[in-house]
Structure formats: structure tokens, C-alpha cells
Amino acid sequence: MHQLIVSRILESLEASEVAYTSDVNLPVHRSLLNGKGEELLSAAYRELEGKDDYPLLHHLKVPVQVGKHLLVYDDANHFNRYRLVTLKSALYRVFNYPWHAAYLRMCRTHERECLLSGLHERVWSGPPLARSCFGPADVPGELSGTGAPGWKLNAYNDLQYDLISRLEGYRLHRIPAYENLMIGGRLQRIDKLLLRPDDSVMRAIGAWLLRKMG
């Protein structure tokens, strides 16, 4: 489903005749994190109760790049209490992200959807790195104890993308599943629109993305 929606985002850019590059791997230059960047990552990792040294991504895997703009689609698995923890970290007081306030609200209001989609082992427990960083997983759906190491790693990696993309000189635009667009005279969720598009909807979404990129 995620890949289908990303492909529809690409179609919307094509409908608006926007040149883009898809499936981009951007190398991470660790030297850019020296000092303050390391402090911000370490602090967020500790707030998630991470163990030992914080991990660092080697590359940013970005589905869509338009010049210095990076577009990332966030499905239901990105909206939960752990992402809320990272969104409250010092990073978002140092740098301004236009979508930040909306993401705080969505994390508070849409965790139920995350519980519906994020109980599969590969999401809840995550890869071996997640359990190494955050300990063993609780029973799927149980968030009162150690919770979901896969969710925690996902939230931490989202923060890494936010910080590293900024330090590398890019503007990261997050497209949440719960974003509403005014199409046909009524507000409609972007994820629903992208699953049943027509040409006029594709052009409208492409124009909306262009406005986001300014």
C-alpha cells in the first residue's frame, strides 16, 4: 500500500510537469553532526529509553527528490506516542518545520490507527537493531511496559531524517496520511485521494505539492 501511494505521488508530479528523481539514497556526512547535532540525537534517543550509544543512519532513503526538496510519505505507523516523544525534543526548538504542530496533533489523535496497522512482528518488534537499542518487545498492543521497539526505532529514525536532511542542506516535506485537501468542494484525506485518483485529482495534488515546496 505504501509503495502504491508513493507511485501515485510521482504521477501527480508528472501531471504537473515537475521534474523529480525517485528512490534516492543520500549519504550521511557524520562530520555535520559534530557537536550540537550529536547532542540533539543523543537527547532524543535517551528520551526513548535507548541503550548504549545512539545509532546513526548511513544513508537517507528518500522516495522523491525535487531539486533540494525531499518528499516523504508517512502512513499510520508514524503516528504514536513514541513519535510524539521525539517531536517534543529539543531539535524542533532549534529548527523550524512547518508541519511540526500538525504532527504533534496527529500523534495524539491517531495512535489507534497505528495500533491497527502496527502490530505485525516486523513493525512492532522491528529489526534486530530495534531490540538491541530498546530492549525486547512487549506483547503486541501492550504499551504500558517496554512497548514496541520497532515503533521506537521508527520514531527515532524519523527524527534522524528531520535533522540530517536539514544539516545536509535539504528541505524535507512530510506528507502525512491524515492531511486533508479541499477537492471537489470538500475536505478529503490525501491517502484516500491517492488510492482512487483521476486526472483532475492528480493535477490538484501536484499543484498542492508545488505549493508545499514553495
N, C-alpha and C. Protein backbone atom coordinates (compact mmCIF):
# COMPACT_ATOMS: atom_id res chain seq x y z
N MET A 1 0.82 -1.21 0.00
CA MET A 1 0.00 0.00 0.00
C MET A 1 0.87 1.27 0.00
N HIS A 2 1.92 1.27 0.83
CA HIS A 2 2.80 2.44 0.92
C HIS A 2 3.43 2.73 -0.44
N GLN A 3 3.92 1.69 -1.11
CA GLN A 3 4.58 1.89 -2.39
C GLN A 3 3.59 2.37 -3.46
N LEU A 4 2.35 1.88 -3.38
CA LEU A 4 1.33 2.33 -4.32
C LEU A 4 1.07 3.82 -4.16
N ILE A 5 0.97 4.28 -2.91
CA ILE A 5 0.71 5.70 -2.68
C ILE A 5 1.88 6.55 -3.15
N VAL A 6 3.10 6.08 -2.91
CA VAL A 6 4.27 6.83 -3.40
C VAL A 6 4.24 6.92 -4.92
N SER A 7 3.87 5.83 -5.58
CA SER A 7 3.81 5.86 -7.05
C SER A 7 2.76 6.86 -7.53
N ARG A 8 1.67 7.00 -6.79
CA ARG A 8 0.64 7.97 -7.16
C ARG A 8 1.13 9.40 -6.92
N ILE A 9 1.95 9.59 -5.90
CA ILE A 9 2.55 10.91 -5.69
C ILE A 9 3.44 11.27 -6.88
N LEU A 10 4.19 10.30 -7.38
CA LEU A 10 5.01 10.54 -8.56
C LEU A 10 4.14 10.90 -9.76
N GLU A 11 3.02 10.22 -9.91
CA GLU A 11 2.09 10.51 -11.01
C GLU A 11 1.56 11.93 -10.91
N SER A 12 1.30 12.38 -9.68
CA SER A 12 0.78 13.74 -9.51
C SER A 12 1.82 14.78 -9.91
N LEU A 13 3.10 14.51 -9.63
CA LEU A 13 4.16 15.41 -10.06
C LEU A 13 4.27 15.43 -11.57
N GLU A 14 4.14 14.27 -12.19
CA GLU A 14 4.18 14.20 -13.65
C GLU A 14 3.02 14.97 -14.26
N ALA A 15 1.85 14.88 -13.63
CA ALA A 15 0.68 15.59 -14.13
C ALA A 15 0.90 17.11 -14.10
N SER A 16 1.74 17.56 -13.16
CA SER A 16 2.06 18.99 -13.07
C SER A 16 3.38 19.32 -13.75
N GLU A 17 3.92 18.36 -14.50
CA GLU A 17 5.15 18.54 -15.28
C GLU A 17 6.32 18.98 -14.40
N VAL A 18 6.44 18.32 -13.25
CA VAL A 18 7.54 18.59 -12.31
C VAL A 18 8.61 17.53 -12.49
N ALA A 19 9.85 17.96 -12.70
CA ALA A 19 10.96 17.02 -12.82
C ALA A 19 11.35 16.52 -11.43
N TYR A 20 11.55 15.22 -11.29
CA TYR A 20 11.88 14.63 -10.00
C TYR A 20 12.82 13.46 -10.19
N THR A 21 13.40 13.03 -9.09
CA THR A 21 14.19 11.80 -9.03
C THR A 21 13.57 10.91 -7.96
N SER A 22 13.40 9.63 -8.27
CA SER A 22 12.79 8.72 -7.29
C SER A 22 13.82 7.75 -6.73
N ASP A 23 13.49 7.19 -5.56
CA ASP A 23 14.34 6.19 -4.89
C ASP A 23 15.78 6.68 -4.76
N VAL A 24 15.94 7.76 -4.03
CA VAL A 24 17.25 8.40 -3.87
C VAL A 24 17.90 7.93 -2.57
N ASN A 25 19.19 7.64 -2.63
CA ASN A 25 19.98 7.33 -1.43
C ASN A 25 20.98 8.47 -1.21
N LEU A 26 20.77 9.23 -0.16
CA LEU A 26 21.65 10.35 0.14
C LEU A 26 22.61 9.96 1.25
N PRO A 27 23.92 10.04 1.02
CA PRO A 27 24.88 9.68 2.06
C PRO A 27 24.83 10.65 3.23
N VAL A 28 25.06 10.12 4.41
CA VAL A 28 25.09 10.94 5.63
C VAL A 28 26.54 11.29 5.94
N HIS A 29 26.84 12.56 6.06
CA HIS A 29 28.19 13.01 6.41
C HIS A 29 28.24 13.25 7.92
N ARG A 30 28.82 12.32 8.62
CA ARG A 30 28.79 12.36 10.09
C ARG A 30 29.41 13.63 10.64
N SER A 31 30.37 14.20 9.93
CA SER A 31 31.05 15.40 10.44
C SER A 31 30.07 16.56 10.64
N LEU A 32 28.97 16.58 9.88
CA LEU A 32 27.99 17.65 10.03
C LEU A 32 27.28 17.59 11.38
N LEU A 33 27.32 16.41 12.01
CA LEU A 33 26.63 16.22 13.29
C LEU A 33 27.51 16.56 14.49
N ASN A 34 28.78 16.80 14.24
CA ASN A 34 29.70 17.06 15.36
C ASN A 34 29.19 18.20 16.24
N GLY A 35 29.21 17.96 17.53
CA GLY A 35 28.77 18.99 18.47
C GLY A 35 27.28 18.97 18.70
N LYS A 36 26.59 20.03 18.27
CA LYS A 36 25.17 20.20 18.57
C LYS A 36 24.31 19.09 17.98
N GLY A 37 24.61 18.65 16.77
CA GLY A 37 23.83 17.58 16.15
C GLY A 37 23.88 16.30 16.96
N GLU A 38 25.06 15.95 17.44
CA GLU A 38 25.20 14.77 18.28
C GLU A 38 24.40 14.91 19.57
N GLU A 39 24.44 16.10 20.15
CA GLU A 39 23.67 16.34 21.39
C GLU A 39 22.18 16.14 21.16
N LEU A 40 21.67 16.65 20.03
CA LEU A 40 20.24 16.55 19.74
C LEU A 40 19.82 15.10 19.53
N LEU A 41 20.63 14.34 18.78
CA LEU A 41 20.31 12.93 18.56
C LEU A 41 20.38 12.14 19.86
N SER A 42 21.43 12.36 20.63
CA SER A 42 21.61 11.62 21.87
C SER A 42 20.47 11.90 22.84
N ALA A 43 20.07 13.15 22.94
CA ALA A 43 18.99 13.51 23.87
C ALA A 43 17.68 12.83 23.49
N ALA A 44 17.35 12.84 22.20
CA ALA A 44 16.11 12.21 21.75
C ALA A 44 16.15 10.70 21.96
N TYR A 45 17.32 10.10 21.71
CA TYR A 45 17.48 8.66 21.89
C TYR A 45 17.28 8.29 23.36
N ARG A 46 17.82 9.08 24.26
CA ARG A 46 17.65 8.81 25.70
C ARG A 46 16.18 8.97 26.13
N GLU A 47 15.49 9.93 25.54
CA GLU A 47 14.09 10.13 25.88
C GLU A 47 13.23 8.93 25.47
N LEU A 48 13.71 8.18 24.48
CA LEU A 48 13.04 6.94 24.07
C LEU A 48 13.55 5.74 24.86
N GLU A 49 14.39 5.99 25.86
CA GLU A 49 14.99 4.96 26.71
C GLU A 49 15.90 4.04 25.92
N GLY A 50 16.63 4.63 24.99
CA GLY A 50 17.60 3.86 24.22
C GLY A 50 18.80 3.46 25.05
N LYS A 51 19.39 2.32 24.70
CA LYS A 51 20.53 1.78 25.44
C LYS A 51 21.83 2.05 24.69
N ASP A 52 22.91 2.19 25.43
CA ASP A 52 24.25 2.37 24.87
C ASP A 52 24.28 3.61 23.97
N ASP A 53 25.21 3.62 22.98
CA ASP A 53 25.35 4.78 22.11
C ASP A 53 24.23 4.82 21.08
N TYR A 54 23.83 6.03 20.71
CA TYR A 54 22.76 6.16 19.72
C TYR A 54 23.25 5.68 18.35
N PRO A 55 22.41 5.00 17.58
CA PRO A 55 22.79 4.58 16.23
C PRO A 55 22.64 5.74 15.25
N LEU A 56 23.34 5.65 14.13
CA LEU A 56 23.28 6.69 13.12
C LEU A 56 23.09 6.06 11.75
N LEU A 57 22.14 6.59 11.00
CA LEU A 57 21.91 6.12 9.64
C LEU A 57 23.12 6.43 8.76
N HIS A 58 23.38 5.54 7.80
CA HIS A 58 24.47 5.77 6.84
C HIS A 58 23.96 6.49 5.59
N HIS A 59 22.70 6.28 5.27
CA HIS A 59 22.07 6.92 4.12
C HIS A 59 20.64 7.32 4.47
N LEU A 60 20.15 8.33 3.80
CA LEU A 60 18.73 8.65 3.84
C LEU A 60 18.09 8.10 2.57
N LYS A 61 17.15 7.18 2.73
CA LYS A 61 16.45 6.62 1.58
C LYS A 61 15.19 7.44 1.35
N VAL A 62 15.19 8.21 0.28
CA VAL A 62 14.12 9.18 0.03
C VAL A 62 13.36 8.77 -1.23
N PRO A 63 12.04 8.64 -1.14
CA PRO A 63 11.28 8.19 -2.32
C PRO A 63 11.22 9.22 -3.43
N VAL A 64 11.24 10.52 -3.09
CA VAL A 64 11.09 11.56 -4.11
C VAL A 64 11.99 12.75 -3.79
N GLN A 65 12.76 13.17 -4.78
CA GLN A 65 13.58 14.38 -4.65
C GLN A 65 13.25 15.31 -5.81
N VAL A 66 12.99 16.58 -5.46
CA VAL A 66 12.77 17.62 -6.46
C VAL A 66 13.76 18.74 -6.14
N GLY A 67 14.91 18.73 -6.82
CA GLY A 67 15.96 19.69 -6.51
C GLY A 67 16.44 19.49 -5.08
N LYS A 68 16.35 20.55 -4.27
CA LYS A 68 16.77 20.47 -2.87
C LYS A 68 15.61 20.12 -1.94
N HIS A 69 14.48 19.72 -2.52
CA HIS A 69 13.31 19.33 -1.75
C HIS A 69 13.19 17.80 -1.71
N LEU A 70 12.91 17.27 -0.53
CA LEU A 70 12.71 15.84 -0.34
C LEU A 70 11.27 15.61 0.12
N LEU A 71 10.59 14.67 -0.54
CA LEU A 71 9.20 14.36 -0.19
C LEU A 71 9.14 12.97 0.42
N VAL A 72 8.52 12.87 1.59
CA VAL A 72 8.39 11.60 2.31
C VAL A 72 6.94 11.42 2.72
N TYR A 73 6.38 10.26 2.39
CA TYR A 73 5.00 9.95 2.79
C TYR A 73 5.02 9.16 4.10
N ASP A 74 4.21 9.59 5.07
CA ASP A 74 4.12 8.93 6.37
C ASP A 74 2.76 8.27 6.53
N ASP A 75 2.74 6.94 6.64
CA ASP A 75 1.49 6.21 6.85
C ASP A 75 1.17 6.14 8.34
N ALA A 76 0.17 5.35 8.69
CA ALA A 76 -0.33 5.31 10.07
C ALA A 76 0.75 4.90 11.07
N ASN A 77 1.74 4.13 10.65
CA ASN A 77 2.76 3.63 11.57
C ASN A 77 3.67 4.73 12.12
N HIS A 78 3.54 5.94 11.60
CA HIS A 78 4.39 7.05 12.04
C HIS A 78 3.73 7.95 13.07
N PHE A 79 2.54 7.56 13.55
CA PHE A 79 1.79 8.46 14.44
C PHE A 79 1.42 7.72 15.72
N ASN A 80 2.24 7.92 16.74
CA ASN A 80 2.05 7.24 18.02
C ASN A 80 2.81 7.97 19.12
N ARG A 81 2.74 7.45 20.32
CA ARG A 81 3.34 8.12 21.49
C ARG A 81 4.86 8.27 21.38
N TYR A 82 5.52 7.36 20.69
CA TYR A 82 6.98 7.45 20.60
C TYR A 82 7.40 8.55 19.63
N ARG A 83 6.69 8.66 18.53
CA ARG A 83 6.98 9.78 17.63
C ARG A 83 6.65 11.10 18.33
N LEU A 84 5.63 11.10 19.16
CA LEU A 84 5.31 12.31 19.92
C LEU A 84 6.46 12.70 20.84
N VAL A 85 7.11 11.70 21.45
CA VAL A 85 8.28 11.96 22.30
C VAL A 85 9.38 12.65 21.50
N THR A 86 9.68 12.13 20.31
CA THR A 86 10.75 12.74 19.52
C THR A 86 10.36 14.13 19.03
N LEU A 87 9.08 14.32 18.70
CA LEU A 87 8.63 15.63 18.22
C LEU A 87 8.70 16.69 19.31
N LYS A 88 8.72 16.27 20.57
CA LYS A 88 8.84 17.21 21.68
C LYS A 88 10.29 17.47 22.06
N SER A 89 11.23 16.87 21.36
CA SER A 89 12.64 17.01 21.71
C SER A 89 13.18 18.37 21.29
N ALA A 90 14.39 18.66 21.73
CA ALA A 90 14.99 19.98 21.53
C ALA A 90 15.21 20.30 20.05
N LEU A 91 15.34 19.29 19.21
CA LEU A 91 15.57 19.53 17.78
C LEU A 91 14.56 20.50 17.20
N TYR A 92 13.29 20.34 17.60
CA TYR A 92 12.22 21.13 16.99
C TYR A 92 12.08 22.52 17.61
N ARG A 93 12.93 22.79 18.59
CA ARG A 93 13.07 24.16 19.08
C ARG A 93 14.26 24.85 18.43
N VAL A 94 15.20 24.06 17.95
CA VAL A 94 16.38 24.61 17.27
C VAL A 94 16.05 24.94 15.82
N PHE A 95 15.33 24.02 15.15
CA PHE A 95 14.96 24.20 13.75
C PHE A 95 13.44 24.28 13.63
N ASN A 96 13.00 25.03 12.65
CA ASN A 96 11.56 25.17 12.39
C ASN A 96 11.14 24.23 11.25
N TYR A 97 10.08 23.47 11.50
CA TYR A 97 9.50 22.60 10.48
C TYR A 97 8.02 22.98 10.36
N PRO A 98 7.56 23.41 9.19
CA PRO A 98 6.19 23.90 9.06
C PRO A 98 5.11 22.89 9.46
N TRP A 99 5.43 21.60 9.35
CA TRP A 99 4.45 20.55 9.64
C TRP A 99 4.47 20.12 11.11
N HIS A 100 5.33 20.69 11.93
CA HIS A 100 5.56 20.17 13.27
C HIS A 100 4.30 20.18 14.14
N ALA A 101 3.60 21.29 14.19
CA ALA A 101 2.41 21.37 15.05
C ALA A 101 1.35 20.37 14.62
N ALA A 102 1.17 20.21 13.32
CA ALA A 102 0.18 19.24 12.82
C ALA A 102 0.57 17.82 13.21
N TYR A 103 1.86 17.51 13.18
CA TYR A 103 2.31 16.17 13.54
C TYR A 103 2.13 15.89 15.03
N LEU A 104 2.34 16.90 15.87
CA LEU A 104 2.06 16.73 17.29
C LEU A 104 0.60 16.33 17.49
N ARG A 105 -0.28 17.05 16.82
CA ARG A 105 -1.72 16.77 16.95
C ARG A 105 -2.06 15.38 16.41
N MET A 106 -1.51 15.01 15.27
CA MET A 106 -1.82 13.72 14.67
C MET A 106 -1.31 12.56 15.52
N CYS A 107 -0.17 12.74 16.16
CA CYS A 107 0.35 11.68 17.04
C CYS A 107 -0.55 11.49 18.25
N ARG A 108 -1.15 12.57 18.72
CA ARG A 108 -2.05 12.48 19.87
C ARG A 108 -3.38 11.84 19.51
N THR A 109 -3.82 12.04 18.29
CA THR A 109 -5.19 11.64 17.93
C THR A 109 -5.29 10.38 17.08
N HIS A 110 -4.17 9.89 16.54
CA HIS A 110 -4.26 8.77 15.59
C HIS A 110 -3.50 7.52 16.03
N GLU A 111 -3.16 7.41 17.31
CA GLU A 111 -2.45 6.20 17.74
C GLU A 111 -3.30 4.95 17.56
N ARG A 112 -4.61 5.08 17.67
CA ARG A 112 -5.48 3.92 17.49
C ARG A 112 -5.28 3.29 16.11
N GLU A 113 -5.14 4.12 15.08
CA GLU A 113 -4.89 3.59 13.74
C GLU A 113 -3.53 2.90 13.66
N CYS A 114 -2.55 3.47 14.38
CA CYS A 114 -1.23 2.84 14.43
C CYS A 114 -1.32 1.46 15.08
N LEU A 115 -2.15 1.34 16.10
CA LEU A 115 -2.34 0.04 16.75
C LEU A 115 -2.99 -0.98 15.81
N LEU A 116 -3.82 -0.50 14.91
CA LEU A 116 -4.45 -1.41 13.96
C LEU A 116 -3.47 -1.90 12.89
N SER A 117 -2.56 -1.01 12.48
CA SER A 117 -1.65 -1.35 11.38
C SER A 117 -0.27 -1.81 11.84
N GLY A 118 0.09 -1.47 13.10
CA GLY A 118 1.48 -1.66 13.52
C GLY A 118 1.72 -2.81 14.48
N LEU A 119 0.84 -3.82 14.50
CA LEU A 119 1.01 -4.95 15.41
C LEU A 119 1.75 -6.12 14.78
N HIS A 120 1.97 -6.07 13.47
CA HIS A 120 2.73 -7.14 12.83
C HIS A 120 4.15 -7.18 13.40
N GLU A 121 4.70 -8.35 13.50
CA GLU A 121 6.02 -8.54 14.12
C GLU A 121 7.08 -7.62 13.53
N ARG A 122 7.09 -7.49 12.22
CA ARG A 122 8.15 -6.69 11.58
C ARG A 122 8.03 -5.21 11.92
N VAL A 123 6.82 -4.77 12.29
CA VAL A 123 6.62 -3.37 12.67
C VAL A 123 6.73 -3.19 14.17
N TRP A 124 6.06 -4.04 14.94
CA TRP A 124 6.04 -3.93 16.39
C TRP A 124 7.42 -4.18 17.01
N SER A 125 8.02 -5.30 16.65
CA SER A 125 9.35 -5.63 17.21
C SER A 125 10.47 -4.99 16.40
N GLY A 126 10.24 -4.81 15.10
CA GLY A 126 11.25 -4.19 14.26
C GLY A 126 12.40 -5.11 13.95
N PRO A 127 13.44 -4.59 13.30
CA PRO A 127 14.63 -5.39 13.00
C PRO A 127 15.44 -5.66 14.27
N PRO A 128 16.45 -6.52 14.21
CA PRO A 128 17.28 -6.79 15.39
C PRO A 128 17.85 -5.52 16.03
N LEU A 129 18.17 -4.51 15.23
CA LEU A 129 18.70 -3.27 15.77
C LEU A 129 17.74 -2.63 16.76
N ALA A 130 16.43 -2.71 16.47
CA ALA A 130 15.44 -2.11 17.37
C ALA A 130 15.49 -2.73 18.75
N ARG A 131 15.58 -4.05 18.80
CA ARG A 131 15.61 -4.74 20.09
C ARG A 131 16.95 -4.52 20.80
N SER A 132 18.01 -4.37 20.01
CA SER A 132 19.31 -4.06 20.60
C SER A 132 19.32 -2.67 21.24
N CYS A 133 18.62 -1.74 20.60
CA CYS A 133 18.60 -0.37 21.11
C CYS A 133 17.60 -0.17 22.24
N PHE A 134 16.43 -0.83 22.14
CA PHE A 134 15.32 -0.52 23.04
C PHE A 134 14.81 -1.71 23.85
N GLY A 135 15.49 -2.83 23.76
CA GLY A 135 15.10 -3.98 24.56
C GLY A 135 14.04 -4.83 23.90
N PRO A 136 13.65 -5.93 24.55
CA PRO A 136 12.66 -6.85 23.98
C PRO A 136 11.28 -6.22 23.90
N ALA A 137 10.49 -6.73 22.96
CA ALA A 137 9.14 -6.19 22.76
C ALA A 137 8.17 -6.75 23.78
N ASP A 138 7.20 -5.92 24.15
CA ASP A 138 6.05 -6.41 24.91
C ASP A 138 5.14 -7.19 23.98
N VAL A 139 4.11 -7.80 24.57
CA VAL A 139 3.08 -8.44 23.76
C VAL A 139 2.48 -7.39 22.82
N PRO A 140 2.30 -7.72 21.54
CA PRO A 140 1.75 -6.73 20.60
C PRO A 140 0.48 -6.08 21.13
N GLY A 141 0.50 -4.76 21.13
CA GLY A 141 -0.63 -3.98 21.62
C GLY A 141 -0.46 -3.48 23.04
N GLU A 142 0.52 -4.02 23.77
CA GLU A 142 0.76 -3.62 25.15
C GLU A 142 1.82 -2.51 25.18
N LEU A 143 1.40 -1.32 25.59
CA LEU A 143 2.28 -0.15 25.56
C LEU A 143 2.65 0.36 26.94
N SER A 144 2.20 -0.33 28.00
CA SER A 144 2.44 0.17 29.35
C SER A 144 3.82 -0.21 29.88
N GLY A 145 4.47 -1.23 29.28
CA GLY A 145 5.79 -1.64 29.73
C GLY A 145 6.87 -1.16 28.79
N THR A 146 7.68 -2.11 28.28
CA THR A 146 8.73 -1.73 27.33
C THR A 146 8.16 -1.36 25.97
N GLY A 147 6.94 -1.81 25.68
CA GLY A 147 6.27 -1.37 24.46
C GLY A 147 6.83 -2.00 23.20
N ALA A 148 6.91 -1.18 22.15
CA ALA A 148 7.24 -1.65 20.80
C ALA A 148 8.59 -1.09 20.36
N PRO A 149 9.66 -1.89 20.41
CA PRO A 149 10.96 -1.37 19.97
C PRO A 149 10.97 -0.97 18.51
N GLY A 150 10.17 -1.66 17.68
CA GLY A 150 10.10 -1.28 16.27
C GLY A 150 9.51 0.11 16.08
N TRP A 151 8.47 0.42 16.85
CA TRP A 151 7.88 1.75 16.80
C TRP A 151 8.88 2.81 17.27
N LYS A 152 9.62 2.48 18.33
CA LYS A 152 10.59 3.43 18.87
C LYS A 152 11.70 3.72 17.85
N LEU A 153 12.21 2.67 17.19
CA LEU A 153 13.25 2.88 16.19
C LEU A 153 12.71 3.70 15.02
N ASN A 154 11.49 3.43 14.63
CA ASN A 154 10.87 4.20 13.55
C ASN A 154 10.78 5.68 13.92
N ALA A 155 10.38 5.96 15.15
CA ALA A 155 10.27 7.35 15.61
C ALA A 155 11.64 8.02 15.66
N TYR A 156 12.63 7.28 16.14
CA TYR A 156 13.99 7.83 16.22
C TYR A 156 14.54 8.09 14.82
N ASN A 157 14.30 7.16 13.89
CA ASN A 157 14.78 7.35 12.53
C ASN A 157 14.10 8.54 11.85
N ASP A 158 12.82 8.74 12.13
CA ASP A 158 12.14 9.92 11.58
C ASP A 158 12.84 11.19 12.04
N LEU A 159 13.20 11.24 13.32
CA LEU A 159 13.94 12.40 13.83
C LEU A 159 15.29 12.53 13.14
N GLN A 160 15.96 11.41 12.90
CA GLN A 160 17.24 11.47 12.18
C GLN A 160 17.05 12.10 10.80
N TYR A 161 16.01 11.68 10.10
CA TYR A 161 15.74 12.26 8.78
C TYR A 161 15.52 13.77 8.88
N ASP A 162 14.76 14.19 9.90
CA ASP A 162 14.47 15.61 10.05
C ASP A 162 15.75 16.41 10.28
N LEU A 163 16.61 15.91 11.15
CA LEU A 163 17.84 16.62 11.47
C LEU A 163 18.85 16.55 10.33
N ILE A 164 19.13 15.34 9.86
CA ILE A 164 20.21 15.17 8.88
C ILE A 164 19.88 15.86 7.56
N SER A 165 18.64 15.75 7.12
CA SER A 165 18.28 16.43 5.86
C SER A 165 18.52 17.93 5.97
N ARG A 166 18.20 18.51 7.11
CA ARG A 166 18.40 19.95 7.31
C ARG A 166 19.89 20.28 7.30
N LEU A 167 20.70 19.48 7.99
CA LEU A 167 22.14 19.74 8.02
C LEU A 167 22.79 19.55 6.66
N GLU A 168 22.22 18.66 5.86
CA GLU A 168 22.76 18.41 4.51
C GLU A 168 22.28 19.45 3.50
N GLY A 169 21.43 20.38 3.94
CA GLY A 169 21.02 21.47 3.07
C GLY A 169 19.75 21.22 2.27
N TYR A 170 18.94 20.22 2.70
CA TYR A 170 17.69 19.92 2.01
C TYR A 170 16.50 20.42 2.82
N ARG A 171 15.38 20.57 2.14
CA ARG A 171 14.10 20.83 2.81
C ARG A 171 13.26 19.57 2.74
N LEU A 172 12.97 19.02 3.90
CA LEU A 172 12.19 17.78 3.97
C LEU A 172 10.72 18.12 4.15
N HIS A 173 9.90 17.63 3.24
CA HIS A 173 8.46 17.85 3.31
C HIS A 173 7.78 16.53 3.63
N ARG A 174 7.15 16.45 4.77
CA ARG A 174 6.44 15.24 5.17
C ARG A 174 4.98 15.31 4.72
N ILE A 175 4.52 14.22 4.13
CA ILE A 175 3.15 14.12 3.65
C ILE A 175 2.44 13.10 4.53
N PRO A 176 1.66 13.53 5.51
CA PRO A 176 1.00 12.58 6.41
C PRO A 176 -0.26 12.01 5.78
N ALA A 177 -0.54 10.76 6.09
CA ALA A 177 -1.74 10.11 5.57
C ALA A 177 -2.99 10.90 5.92
N TYR A 178 -2.95 11.66 7.03
CA TYR A 178 -4.14 12.32 7.54
C TYR A 178 -4.29 13.76 7.05
N GLU A 179 -3.43 14.19 6.15
CA GLU A 179 -3.56 15.54 5.59
C GLU A 179 -4.85 15.65 4.79
N ASN A 180 -5.56 16.75 4.96
CA ASN A 180 -6.81 16.98 4.22
C ASN A 180 -6.59 18.00 3.12
N LEU A 181 -7.12 17.70 1.94
CA LEU A 181 -7.10 18.62 0.81
C LEU A 181 -8.53 18.96 0.42
N MET A 182 -8.73 20.20 0.00
CA MET A 182 -10.03 20.61 -0.50
C MET A 182 -10.12 20.23 -1.98
N ILE A 183 -10.84 19.18 -2.27
CA ILE A 183 -11.02 18.69 -3.63
C ILE A 183 -12.51 18.54 -3.90
N GLY A 184 -12.97 19.11 -5.00
CA GLY A 184 -14.39 18.98 -5.33
C GLY A 184 -15.30 19.63 -4.32
N GLY A 185 -14.81 20.68 -3.65
CA GLY A 185 -15.64 21.41 -2.72
C GLY A 185 -15.74 20.82 -1.33
N ARG A 186 -14.94 19.77 -1.04
CA ARG A 186 -14.97 19.21 0.31
C ARG A 186 -13.58 18.72 0.70
N LEU A 187 -13.33 18.68 2.02
CA LEU A 187 -12.05 18.20 2.52
C LEU A 187 -11.98 16.68 2.42
N GLN A 188 -10.87 16.20 1.87
CA GLN A 188 -10.68 14.76 1.71
C GLN A 188 -9.25 14.39 2.09
N ARG A 189 -9.08 13.22 2.71
CA ARG A 189 -7.76 12.78 3.15
C ARG A 189 -6.89 12.40 1.96
N ILE A 190 -5.62 12.81 2.05
CA ILE A 190 -4.69 12.58 0.95
C ILE A 190 -4.51 11.10 0.65
N ASP A 191 -4.47 10.25 1.68
CA ASP A 191 -4.26 8.82 1.41
C ASP A 191 -5.44 8.23 0.65
N LYS A 192 -6.65 8.66 0.95
CA LYS A 192 -7.83 8.17 0.24
C LYS A 192 -7.84 8.68 -1.19
N LEU A 193 -7.49 9.95 -1.38
CA LEU A 193 -7.46 10.52 -2.72
C LEU A 193 -6.45 9.80 -3.62
N LEU A 194 -5.31 9.47 -3.05
CA LEU A 194 -4.25 8.84 -3.86
C LEU A 194 -4.59 7.40 -4.24
N LEU A 195 -5.51 6.79 -3.53
CA LEU A 195 -5.89 5.42 -3.85
C LEU A 195 -6.98 5.34 -4.91
N ARG A 196 -7.65 6.45 -5.18
CA ARG A 196 -8.70 6.44 -6.21
C ARG A 196 -8.63 7.74 -7.01
N PRO A 197 -7.51 7.98 -7.65
CA PRO A 197 -7.33 9.25 -8.33
C PRO A 197 -7.93 9.26 -9.74
N ASP A 198 -8.23 10.46 -10.22
CA ASP A 198 -8.46 10.65 -11.64
C ASP A 198 -7.55 11.79 -12.07
N ASP A 199 -7.60 12.15 -13.34
CA ASP A 199 -6.65 13.13 -13.86
C ASP A 199 -6.75 14.47 -13.13
N SER A 200 -7.98 14.92 -12.85
CA SER A 200 -8.15 16.22 -12.20
C SER A 200 -7.62 16.17 -10.77
N VAL A 201 -7.81 15.04 -10.08
CA VAL A 201 -7.28 14.89 -8.72
C VAL A 201 -5.76 14.88 -8.75
N MET A 202 -5.17 14.18 -9.73
CA MET A 202 -3.71 14.15 -9.83
C MET A 202 -3.15 15.55 -10.04
N ARG A 203 -3.78 16.33 -10.89
CA ARG A 203 -3.30 17.70 -11.13
C ARG A 203 -3.44 18.55 -9.87
N ALA A 204 -4.54 18.36 -9.14
CA ALA A 204 -4.75 19.12 -7.91
C ALA A 204 -3.71 18.77 -6.86
N ILE A 205 -3.39 17.49 -6.73
CA ILE A 205 -2.38 17.06 -5.76
C ILE A 205 -1.01 17.56 -6.17
N GLY A 206 -0.72 17.51 -7.46
CA GLY A 206 0.56 18.04 -7.95
C GLY A 206 0.71 19.52 -7.65
N ALA A 207 -0.37 20.28 -7.86
CA ALA A 207 -0.33 21.72 -7.57
C ALA A 207 -0.14 21.96 -6.08
N TRP A 208 -0.79 21.13 -5.25
CA TRP A 208 -0.64 21.25 -3.79
C TRP A 208 0.80 20.98 -3.37
N LEU A 209 1.44 19.97 -3.97
CA LEU A 209 2.82 19.66 -3.64
C LEU A 209 3.74 20.80 -4.06
N LEU A 210 3.46 21.41 -5.19
CA LEU A 210 4.26 22.55 -5.62
C LEU A 210 4.15 23.70 -4.62
N ARG A 211 2.95 23.93 -4.10
CA ARG A 211 2.78 24.98 -3.10
C ARG A 211 3.55 24.64 -1.83
N LYS A 212 3.56 23.38 -1.43
CA LYS A 212 4.31 22.98 -0.24
C LYS A 212 5.79 23.27 -0.40
N MET A 213 6.29 23.04 -1.61
CA MET A 213 7.72 23.25 -1.86
C MET A 213 8.05 24.72 -2.06
N GLY A 214 7.02 25.53 -2.21
CA GLY A 214 7.23 26.98 -2.30
C GLY A 214 7.96 27.40 -3.55
